[in-house]
Amino acid sequence: MGELAPGFRVDLLFPDEYSNFVAEIYFKDRLVLLVSQDKGLDSAEVEFDRDVRGLPERMSLRELEEAINYARRRQHELRRHLGFRNF
């Protein structure tokens, strides 16, 4: 599945306000964004954390893209493993 670049972490959650799993992407222990696939696998949406204080001024775009793709794969695998039909 691949590893995340140093400093990145992905947590999968199923909050009440979503109809599917979401992935929170952290960089250096600060929430950067949330990946939602409520509208389908090909229609992923990202929500950025409104409080950007404490985030590094720069991060690698490639590494952030890799973290987003990793999160999407993990969401898909978890839904498949748990037998979700709506993916």
N, C-alpha and C. Protein backbone atom coordinates (compact mmCIF):
# COMPACT_ATOMS: atom_id res chain seq x y z
N MET A 1 0.83 -1.18 0.00
CA MET A 1 0.00 0.00 0.00
C MET A 1 0.87 1.25 0.00
N GLY A 2 2.08 1.13 0.47
CA GLY A 2 2.95 2.29 0.47
C GLY A 2 2.93 2.99 1.82
N GLU A 3 4.02 3.62 2.08
CA GLU A 3 4.16 4.36 3.33
C GLU A 3 3.93 5.84 3.09
N LEU A 4 3.59 6.52 4.14
CA LEU A 4 3.45 7.96 4.07
C LEU A 4 4.81 8.61 4.28
N ALA A 5 4.98 9.78 3.72
CA ALA A 5 6.22 10.54 3.92
C ALA A 5 6.34 10.91 5.39
N PRO A 6 7.55 11.09 5.88
CA PRO A 6 7.74 11.47 7.27
C PRO A 6 6.94 12.73 7.61
N GLY A 7 6.32 12.70 8.77
CA GLY A 7 5.53 13.84 9.23
C GLY A 7 4.05 13.73 8.94
N PHE A 8 3.65 12.86 8.00
CA PHE A 8 2.24 12.70 7.64
C PHE A 8 1.60 11.56 8.43
N ARG A 9 0.32 11.72 8.74
CA ARG A 9 -0.46 10.68 9.40
C ARG A 9 -1.88 10.76 8.84
N VAL A 10 -2.51 9.59 8.68
CA VAL A 10 -3.89 9.52 8.19
C VAL A 10 -4.72 8.76 9.21
N ASP A 11 -5.82 9.37 9.67
CA ASP A 11 -6.77 8.71 10.56
C ASP A 11 -8.10 8.56 9.83
N LEU A 12 -8.68 7.36 9.88
CA LEU A 12 -9.98 7.12 9.27
C LEU A 12 -11.06 7.18 10.34
N LEU A 13 -12.16 7.85 10.02
CA LEU A 13 -13.27 8.05 10.96
C LEU A 13 -14.59 7.86 10.23
N PHE A 14 -15.66 7.70 11.01
CA PHE A 14 -17.01 7.63 10.44
C PHE A 14 -17.90 8.57 11.25
N PRO A 15 -17.73 9.89 11.08
CA PRO A 15 -18.54 10.84 11.85
C PRO A 15 -20.01 10.76 11.47
N ASP A 16 -20.87 11.12 12.41
CA ASP A 16 -22.32 11.06 12.19
C ASP A 16 -22.77 11.92 11.02
N GLU A 17 -22.09 13.03 10.77
CA GLU A 17 -22.55 13.94 9.73
C GLU A 17 -22.17 13.50 8.31
N TYR A 18 -21.49 12.37 8.18
CA TYR A 18 -21.11 11.84 6.87
C TYR A 18 -21.76 10.48 6.66
N SER A 19 -21.98 10.14 5.40
CA SER A 19 -22.58 8.84 5.09
C SER A 19 -21.52 7.80 4.76
N ASN A 20 -20.27 8.17 4.85
CA ASN A 20 -19.18 7.28 4.53
C ASN A 20 -17.97 7.63 5.40
N PHE A 21 -16.93 6.81 5.30
CA PHE A 21 -15.71 7.09 6.05
C PHE A 21 -15.07 8.38 5.54
N VAL A 22 -14.41 9.07 6.43
CA VAL A 22 -13.61 10.23 6.06
C VAL A 22 -12.19 9.96 6.55
N ALA A 23 -11.25 10.64 5.94
CA ALA A 23 -9.86 10.52 6.33
C ALA A 23 -9.34 11.89 6.73
N GLU A 24 -8.77 11.96 7.91
CA GLU A 24 -8.12 13.19 8.34
C GLU A 24 -6.63 13.04 8.06
N ILE A 25 -6.07 14.03 7.41
CA ILE A 25 -4.65 14.01 7.09
C ILE A 25 -3.95 15.04 7.97
N TYR A 26 -2.96 14.55 8.69
CA TYR A 26 -2.17 15.39 9.60
C TYR A 26 -0.75 15.53 9.05
N PHE A 27 -0.16 16.68 9.30
CA PHE A 27 1.25 16.89 8.99
C PHE A 27 1.89 17.48 10.24
N LYS A 28 2.89 16.79 10.74
CA LYS A 28 3.57 17.19 11.98
C LYS A 28 2.56 17.41 13.10
N ASP A 29 1.64 16.44 13.22
CA ASP A 29 0.62 16.41 14.28
C ASP A 29 -0.40 17.54 14.21
N ARG A 30 -0.51 18.23 13.08
CA ARG A 30 -1.52 19.27 12.89
C ARG A 30 -2.46 18.83 11.77
N LEU A 31 -3.77 18.91 12.03
CA LEU A 31 -4.74 18.58 11.01
C LEU A 31 -4.59 19.53 9.84
N VAL A 32 -4.43 18.97 8.64
CA VAL A 32 -4.31 19.77 7.43
C VAL A 32 -5.63 19.78 6.68
N LEU A 33 -6.17 18.58 6.44
CA LEU A 33 -7.41 18.50 5.69
C LEU A 33 -8.13 17.19 5.95
N LEU A 34 -9.37 17.16 5.51
CA LEU A 34 -10.23 15.99 5.63
C LEU A 34 -10.61 15.57 4.22
N VAL A 35 -10.55 14.27 3.92
CA VAL A 35 -10.94 13.75 2.61
C VAL A 35 -12.25 13.01 2.78
N SER A 36 -13.26 13.45 2.02
CA SER A 36 -14.59 12.83 2.05
C SER A 36 -14.89 12.24 0.68
N GLN A 37 -15.44 11.03 0.69
CA GLN A 37 -15.87 10.39 -0.56
C GLN A 37 -17.38 10.15 -0.52
N ASP A 38 -18.10 11.01 0.19
CA ASP A 38 -19.56 10.87 0.29
C ASP A 38 -20.24 10.91 -1.07
N LYS A 39 -19.65 11.61 -2.02
CA LYS A 39 -20.26 11.74 -3.35
C LYS A 39 -19.73 10.70 -4.33
N GLY A 40 -18.97 9.72 -3.82
CA GLY A 40 -18.45 8.64 -4.67
C GLY A 40 -16.94 8.67 -4.76
N LEU A 41 -16.38 7.53 -5.19
CA LEU A 41 -14.93 7.40 -5.27
C LEU A 41 -14.30 8.40 -6.23
N ASP A 42 -14.99 8.69 -7.31
CA ASP A 42 -14.44 9.60 -8.31
C ASP A 42 -14.78 11.06 -8.02
N SER A 43 -15.44 11.31 -6.92
CA SER A 43 -15.86 12.68 -6.58
C SER A 43 -15.40 13.06 -5.17
N ALA A 44 -14.18 12.68 -4.84
CA ALA A 44 -13.66 12.99 -3.51
C ALA A 44 -13.59 14.50 -3.32
N GLU A 45 -13.86 14.91 -2.10
CA GLU A 45 -13.77 16.32 -1.74
C GLU A 45 -12.81 16.47 -0.57
N VAL A 46 -12.15 17.61 -0.50
CA VAL A 46 -11.28 17.89 0.64
C VAL A 46 -11.80 19.12 1.37
N GLU A 47 -11.67 19.08 2.66
CA GLU A 47 -12.03 20.21 3.52
C GLU A 47 -10.77 20.57 4.31
N PHE A 48 -10.34 21.80 4.16
CA PHE A 48 -9.14 22.25 4.86
C PHE A 48 -9.49 22.72 6.26
N ASP A 49 -8.59 22.48 7.18
CA ASP A 49 -8.77 22.96 8.54
C ASP A 49 -8.77 24.48 8.52
N ARG A 50 -9.74 25.08 9.16
CA ARG A 50 -9.85 26.55 9.16
C ARG A 50 -8.78 27.22 10.01
N ASP A 51 -8.29 26.51 10.99
CA ASP A 51 -7.27 27.07 11.88
C ASP A 51 -5.90 26.63 11.38
N VAL A 52 -5.25 27.46 10.60
CA VAL A 52 -3.96 27.09 10.02
C VAL A 52 -2.78 27.49 10.90
N ARG A 53 -3.08 28.07 12.06
CA ARG A 53 -1.98 28.42 12.97
C ARG A 53 -1.24 27.15 13.38
N GLY A 54 0.05 27.24 13.36
CA GLY A 54 0.85 26.10 13.77
C GLY A 54 1.23 25.17 12.64
N LEU A 55 0.64 25.37 11.45
CA LEU A 55 1.05 24.56 10.31
C LEU A 55 2.35 25.10 9.74
N PRO A 56 3.20 24.21 9.24
CA PRO A 56 4.41 24.69 8.57
C PRO A 56 4.01 25.55 7.37
N GLU A 57 4.85 26.51 7.04
CA GLU A 57 4.54 27.37 5.91
C GLU A 57 4.60 26.63 4.59
N ARG A 58 5.39 25.59 4.53
CA ARG A 58 5.53 24.82 3.29
C ARG A 58 5.51 23.33 3.59
N MET A 59 4.99 22.61 2.60
CA MET A 59 5.10 21.15 2.61
C MET A 59 5.16 20.71 1.16
N SER A 60 5.65 19.55 0.93
CA SER A 60 5.78 19.04 -0.43
C SER A 60 4.41 18.73 -1.02
N LEU A 61 4.12 19.30 -2.19
CA LEU A 61 2.85 19.01 -2.87
C LEU A 61 2.78 17.53 -3.22
N ARG A 62 3.89 16.96 -3.69
CA ARG A 62 3.91 15.54 -4.05
C ARG A 62 3.58 14.68 -2.83
N GLU A 63 4.17 14.99 -1.70
CA GLU A 63 3.92 14.21 -0.49
C GLU A 63 2.49 14.39 0.00
N LEU A 64 1.93 15.59 -0.13
CA LEU A 64 0.53 15.81 0.24
C LEU A 64 -0.39 15.03 -0.69
N GLU A 65 -0.10 15.05 -1.99
CA GLU A 65 -0.90 14.27 -2.95
C GLU A 65 -0.82 12.78 -2.63
N GLU A 66 0.37 12.31 -2.28
CA GLU A 66 0.53 10.90 -1.91
C GLU A 66 -0.29 10.58 -0.66
N ALA A 67 -0.32 11.48 0.30
CA ALA A 67 -1.12 11.26 1.51
C ALA A 67 -2.61 11.22 1.18
N ILE A 68 -3.07 12.09 0.29
CA ILE A 68 -4.47 12.09 -0.12
C ILE A 68 -4.81 10.78 -0.83
N ASN A 69 -3.95 10.35 -1.75
CA ASN A 69 -4.20 9.09 -2.46
C ASN A 69 -4.17 7.90 -1.51
N TYR A 70 -3.26 7.91 -0.56
CA TYR A 70 -3.19 6.86 0.46
C TYR A 70 -4.50 6.83 1.25
N ALA A 71 -4.98 8.00 1.66
CA ALA A 71 -6.24 8.08 2.42
C ALA A 71 -7.40 7.53 1.62
N ARG A 72 -7.48 7.86 0.35
CA ARG A 72 -8.58 7.37 -0.50
C ARG A 72 -8.53 5.85 -0.64
N ARG A 73 -7.33 5.30 -0.82
CA ARG A 73 -7.20 3.84 -0.90
C ARG A 73 -7.63 3.17 0.40
N ARG A 74 -7.21 3.74 1.53
CA ARG A 74 -7.57 3.16 2.83
C ARG A 74 -9.08 3.22 3.06
N GLN A 75 -9.72 4.32 2.67
CA GLN A 75 -11.18 4.43 2.79
C GLN A 75 -11.84 3.33 1.97
N HIS A 76 -11.40 3.16 0.75
CA HIS A 76 -11.98 2.14 -0.13
C HIS A 76 -11.78 0.74 0.46
N GLU A 77 -10.57 0.45 0.92
CA GLU A 77 -10.28 -0.87 1.49
C GLU A 77 -11.13 -1.14 2.73
N LEU A 78 -11.29 -0.15 3.57
CA LEU A 78 -12.08 -0.33 4.78
C LEU A 78 -13.55 -0.56 4.46
N ARG A 79 -14.08 0.20 3.51
CA ARG A 79 -15.48 -0.02 3.11
C ARG A 79 -15.66 -1.42 2.53
N ARG A 80 -14.73 -1.85 1.69
CA ARG A 80 -14.82 -3.18 1.09
C ARG A 80 -14.72 -4.26 2.16
N HIS A 81 -13.79 -4.09 3.09
CA HIS A 81 -13.58 -5.06 4.17
C HIS A 81 -14.83 -5.20 5.04
N LEU A 82 -15.51 -4.08 5.29
CA LEU A 82 -16.70 -4.10 6.15
C LEU A 82 -17.98 -4.40 5.38
N GLY A 83 -17.87 -4.59 4.08
CA GLY A 83 -19.03 -4.98 3.29
C GLY A 83 -19.96 -3.85 2.90
N PHE A 84 -19.45 -2.62 2.88
CA PHE A 84 -20.27 -1.50 2.44
C PHE A 84 -20.60 -1.67 0.96
N ARG A 85 -21.83 -1.40 0.59
CA ARG A 85 -22.25 -1.56 -0.80
C ARG A 85 -22.17 -0.26 -1.59
N ASN A 86 -22.16 0.87 -0.92
CA ASN A 86 -22.24 2.15 -1.62
C ASN A 86 -20.87 2.71 -1.98
N PHE A 87 -20.06 1.92 -2.65
CA PHE A 87 -18.80 2.43 -3.17
C PHE A 87 -18.63 1.85 -4.51
